[in-house]
Structures are given as structure tokens and as C-alpha cells.
Amino acid sequence: MTSPSDIQGYIERGLPCLHVAVDGDGHHFEAVIVSEAFRGKSMVQQHQLVYGALGDRMRQEIHALSLKTLTPEQWAARG
């Protein structure tokens, strides 16, 4: 079974991130990801970058993943 820490590691290895936090129960996961790579991209493009980092795992290991993607500026503004 895939754990939140597994998913966090996959994302961190496949995408340059300033912050990654993943929570979940083994079936449903939520991730908050902060990356410079998101700057200037739409939310769809940001999510595609994350899916690219996860690769085939999105079809095989991860069945439900909710994403919150932020640029460093957006993350800092959250206070």
C-alpha cells in the first residue's frame, strides 16, 4: 500500500519543490506543493507537472489525489 511519505518522496524526486506535505489514508491523499516551477502556469499546468513527477503511479498506486499547488509567493502570502 502506498503511504503519504511515499507520495511525498516521489514528488520531491520528480519536481523541484520548496515544500511538500502529503496526508492520506492509503487510498485517498491530499498534497500541498510549493514550487518555483509553478510560476506563470495555470492550475491545470501545475497539476500536470505534479502528475508528471508521479508518472505511472497515478494509474497504478495512487487512486485519489487532491492537489493544492502554490508558487513561493502564494505560499508566503498565506502567512
N, C-alpha and C. Protein backbone atom coordinates (compact mmCIF):
# COMPACT_ATOMS: atom_id res chain seq x y z
N MET A 1 0.84 -1.18 0.00
CA MET A 1 0.00 0.00 0.00
C MET A 1 0.89 1.25 0.00
N THR A 2 0.51 2.23 -0.76
CA THR A 2 1.26 3.47 -0.86
C THR A 2 0.97 4.35 0.36
N SER A 3 2.01 4.93 0.91
CA SER A 3 1.85 5.80 2.07
C SER A 3 2.01 7.26 1.67
N PRO A 4 1.55 8.20 2.50
CA PRO A 4 1.77 9.61 2.21
C PRO A 4 3.25 9.95 2.04
N SER A 5 4.11 9.33 2.84
CA SER A 5 5.55 9.61 2.70
C SER A 5 6.11 9.09 1.38
N ASP A 6 5.56 7.99 0.86
CA ASP A 6 5.96 7.50 -0.46
C ASP A 6 5.65 8.55 -1.52
N ILE A 7 4.42 9.06 -1.48
CA ILE A 7 3.99 10.05 -2.48
C ILE A 7 4.83 11.31 -2.36
N GLN A 8 5.08 11.75 -1.13
CA GLN A 8 5.91 12.93 -0.92
C GLN A 8 7.28 12.72 -1.55
N GLY A 9 7.88 11.57 -1.35
CA GLY A 9 9.19 11.28 -1.93
C GLY A 9 9.16 11.27 -3.44
N TYR A 10 8.13 10.69 -4.02
CA TYR A 10 8.00 10.67 -5.49
C TYR A 10 7.96 12.09 -6.03
N ILE A 11 7.17 12.94 -5.39
CA ILE A 11 7.03 14.32 -5.85
C ILE A 11 8.36 15.06 -5.70
N GLU A 12 9.00 14.91 -4.55
CA GLU A 12 10.26 15.62 -4.29
C GLU A 12 11.37 15.18 -5.25
N ARG A 13 11.36 13.93 -5.64
CA ARG A 13 12.39 13.45 -6.58
C ARG A 13 12.10 13.88 -8.02
N GLY A 14 10.84 14.12 -8.35
CA GLY A 14 10.49 14.42 -9.73
C GLY A 14 10.22 15.88 -10.03
N LEU A 15 10.22 16.74 -8.99
CA LEU A 15 9.86 18.14 -9.19
C LEU A 15 10.62 18.97 -8.15
N PRO A 16 11.29 20.04 -8.56
CA PRO A 16 11.98 20.87 -7.57
C PRO A 16 10.94 21.59 -6.70
N CYS A 17 10.96 21.32 -5.41
CA CYS A 17 9.95 21.86 -4.50
C CYS A 17 10.59 22.56 -3.32
N LEU A 18 9.92 23.59 -2.84
CA LEU A 18 10.33 24.27 -1.62
C LEU A 18 9.61 23.66 -0.42
N HIS A 19 8.44 23.09 -0.66
CA HIS A 19 7.65 22.48 0.42
C HIS A 19 6.72 21.43 -0.19
N VAL A 20 6.63 20.29 0.46
CA VAL A 20 5.68 19.25 0.08
C VAL A 20 5.14 18.65 1.37
N ALA A 21 3.82 18.57 1.46
CA ALA A 21 3.18 17.91 2.59
C ALA A 21 2.06 17.03 2.03
N VAL A 22 2.07 15.76 2.38
CA VAL A 22 1.07 14.81 1.89
C VAL A 22 0.42 14.12 3.08
N ASP A 23 -0.89 14.04 3.03
CA ASP A 23 -1.65 13.35 4.07
C ASP A 23 -2.58 12.38 3.36
N GLY A 24 -2.95 11.30 4.03
CA GLY A 24 -3.87 10.36 3.42
C GLY A 24 -3.98 9.08 4.20
N ASP A 25 -4.91 8.24 3.74
CA ASP A 25 -5.22 7.00 4.45
C ASP A 25 -4.80 5.75 3.69
N GLY A 26 -4.00 5.93 2.64
CA GLY A 26 -3.59 4.78 1.84
C GLY A 26 -4.40 4.63 0.56
N HIS A 27 -5.55 5.29 0.51
CA HIS A 27 -6.40 5.25 -0.68
C HIS A 27 -6.67 6.65 -1.22
N HIS A 28 -6.92 7.59 -0.33
CA HIS A 28 -7.20 8.98 -0.69
C HIS A 28 -6.11 9.85 -0.08
N PHE A 29 -5.56 10.73 -0.90
CA PHE A 29 -4.45 11.57 -0.46
C PHE A 29 -4.71 13.03 -0.78
N GLU A 30 -4.11 13.91 0.04
CA GLU A 30 -4.13 15.35 -0.19
C GLU A 30 -2.69 15.83 -0.13
N ALA A 31 -2.31 16.69 -1.08
CA ALA A 31 -0.95 17.20 -1.11
C ALA A 31 -0.95 18.71 -1.27
N VAL A 32 -0.05 19.36 -0.53
CA VAL A 32 0.24 20.78 -0.69
C VAL A 32 1.66 20.85 -1.20
N ILE A 33 1.84 21.50 -2.36
CA ILE A 33 3.15 21.53 -3.01
C ILE A 33 3.48 22.97 -3.37
N VAL A 34 4.67 23.42 -2.97
CA VAL A 34 5.15 24.76 -3.28
C VAL A 34 6.37 24.61 -4.17
N SER A 35 6.33 25.23 -5.35
CA SER A 35 7.44 25.08 -6.29
C SER A 35 7.59 26.32 -7.16
N GLU A 36 8.83 26.69 -7.42
CA GLU A 36 9.14 27.76 -8.38
C GLU A 36 8.64 27.38 -9.78
N ALA A 37 8.59 26.08 -10.05
CA ALA A 37 8.18 25.60 -11.38
C ALA A 37 6.74 25.98 -11.71
N PHE A 38 5.95 26.32 -10.69
CA PHE A 38 4.54 26.67 -10.92
C PHE A 38 4.36 28.11 -11.38
N ARG A 39 5.38 28.93 -11.24
CA ARG A 39 5.27 30.34 -11.58
C ARG A 39 4.88 30.52 -13.06
N GLY A 40 3.84 31.32 -13.30
CA GLY A 40 3.41 31.63 -14.67
C GLY A 40 2.58 30.54 -15.33
N LYS A 41 2.26 29.49 -14.59
CA LYS A 41 1.49 28.38 -15.17
C LYS A 41 0.08 28.37 -14.59
N SER A 42 -0.85 27.89 -15.38
CA SER A 42 -2.23 27.74 -14.91
C SER A 42 -2.29 26.60 -13.90
N MET A 43 -3.39 26.51 -13.17
CA MET A 43 -3.55 25.43 -12.20
C MET A 43 -3.49 24.07 -12.90
N VAL A 44 -4.08 23.97 -14.06
CA VAL A 44 -4.03 22.71 -14.81
C VAL A 44 -2.58 22.35 -15.15
N GLN A 45 -1.81 23.32 -15.61
CA GLN A 45 -0.41 23.07 -15.95
C GLN A 45 0.40 22.70 -14.71
N GLN A 46 0.10 23.33 -13.57
CA GLN A 46 0.79 22.99 -12.33
C GLN A 46 0.50 21.55 -11.94
N HIS A 47 -0.76 21.16 -12.03
CA HIS A 47 -1.14 19.80 -11.67
C HIS A 47 -0.51 18.79 -12.63
N GLN A 48 -0.40 19.17 -13.90
CA GLN A 48 0.25 18.28 -14.87
C GLN A 48 1.72 18.05 -14.51
N LEU A 49 2.39 19.08 -13.98
CA LEU A 49 3.77 18.92 -13.54
C LEU A 49 3.86 17.89 -12.41
N VAL A 50 2.92 17.96 -11.49
CA VAL A 50 2.91 17.00 -10.37
C VAL A 50 2.62 15.60 -10.90
N TYR A 51 1.62 15.48 -11.77
CA TYR A 51 1.30 14.16 -12.34
C TYR A 51 2.49 13.61 -13.10
N GLY A 52 3.24 14.47 -13.79
CA GLY A 52 4.44 14.03 -14.49
C GLY A 52 5.48 13.49 -13.53
N ALA A 53 5.61 14.13 -12.37
CA ALA A 53 6.56 13.66 -11.36
C ALA A 53 6.14 12.30 -10.81
N LEU A 54 4.84 12.07 -10.74
CA LEU A 54 4.33 10.80 -10.21
C LEU A 54 4.32 9.70 -11.27
N GLY A 55 4.29 10.08 -12.52
CA GLY A 55 4.35 9.12 -13.63
C GLY A 55 3.23 8.09 -13.58
N ASP A 56 3.56 6.85 -13.88
CA ASP A 56 2.58 5.76 -13.95
C ASP A 56 1.96 5.43 -12.60
N ARG A 57 2.55 5.93 -11.54
CA ARG A 57 1.99 5.66 -10.21
C ARG A 57 0.56 6.18 -10.09
N MET A 58 0.24 7.23 -10.86
CA MET A 58 -1.13 7.77 -10.82
C MET A 58 -2.14 6.77 -11.35
N ARG A 59 -1.72 5.87 -12.18
CA ARG A 59 -2.64 4.86 -12.72
C ARG A 59 -2.60 3.57 -11.92
N GLN A 60 -1.47 3.30 -11.27
CA GLN A 60 -1.29 2.01 -10.63
C GLN A 60 -1.42 2.05 -9.11
N GLU A 61 -0.75 3.00 -8.45
CA GLU A 61 -0.69 3.00 -6.99
C GLU A 61 -1.60 4.03 -6.34
N ILE A 62 -1.78 5.17 -7.01
CA ILE A 62 -2.50 6.30 -6.41
C ILE A 62 -3.84 6.44 -7.11
N HIS A 63 -4.90 6.30 -6.34
CA HIS A 63 -6.23 6.31 -6.95
C HIS A 63 -6.97 7.62 -6.76
N ALA A 64 -6.67 8.36 -5.70
CA ALA A 64 -7.33 9.64 -5.46
C ALA A 64 -6.33 10.59 -4.82
N LEU A 65 -6.04 11.69 -5.52
CA LEU A 65 -5.07 12.66 -5.04
C LEU A 65 -5.62 14.06 -5.25
N SER A 66 -5.81 14.79 -4.18
CA SER A 66 -6.24 16.18 -4.22
C SER A 66 -5.00 17.05 -4.11
N LEU A 67 -4.84 18.00 -5.03
CA LEU A 67 -3.64 18.83 -5.06
C LEU A 67 -3.95 20.29 -4.74
N LYS A 68 -3.08 20.90 -3.95
CA LYS A 68 -3.05 22.34 -3.73
C LYS A 68 -1.66 22.76 -4.14
N THR A 69 -1.54 23.44 -5.28
CA THR A 69 -0.23 23.85 -5.79
C THR A 69 -0.09 25.36 -5.65
N LEU A 70 1.08 25.78 -5.19
CA LEU A 70 1.34 27.19 -4.91
C LEU A 70 2.73 27.58 -5.36
N THR A 71 2.87 28.84 -5.79
CA THR A 71 4.20 29.41 -6.01
C THR A 71 4.73 29.83 -4.63
N PRO A 72 6.02 30.08 -4.53
CA PRO A 72 6.56 30.54 -3.24
C PRO A 72 5.88 31.82 -2.73
N GLU A 73 5.54 32.73 -3.64
CA GLU A 73 4.87 33.97 -3.24
C GLU A 73 3.48 33.69 -2.68
N GLN A 74 2.75 32.81 -3.32
CA GLN A 74 1.41 32.45 -2.84
C GLN A 74 1.51 31.78 -1.46
N TRP A 75 2.53 30.94 -1.29
CA TRP A 75 2.73 30.25 0.00
C TRP A 75 3.04 31.28 1.09
N ALA A 76 3.93 32.24 0.79
CA ALA A 76 4.31 33.26 1.77
C ALA A 76 3.13 34.14 2.15
N ALA A 77 2.26 34.41 1.18
CA ALA A 77 1.10 35.28 1.42
C ALA A 77 0.08 34.64 2.34
N ARG A 78 0.13 33.32 2.46
CA ARG A 78 -0.82 32.60 3.33
C ARG A 78 -0.52 32.86 4.80
N GLY A 79 0.70 33.33 5.07
CA GLY A 79 1.09 33.70 6.42
C GLY A 79 1.29 32.55 7.29
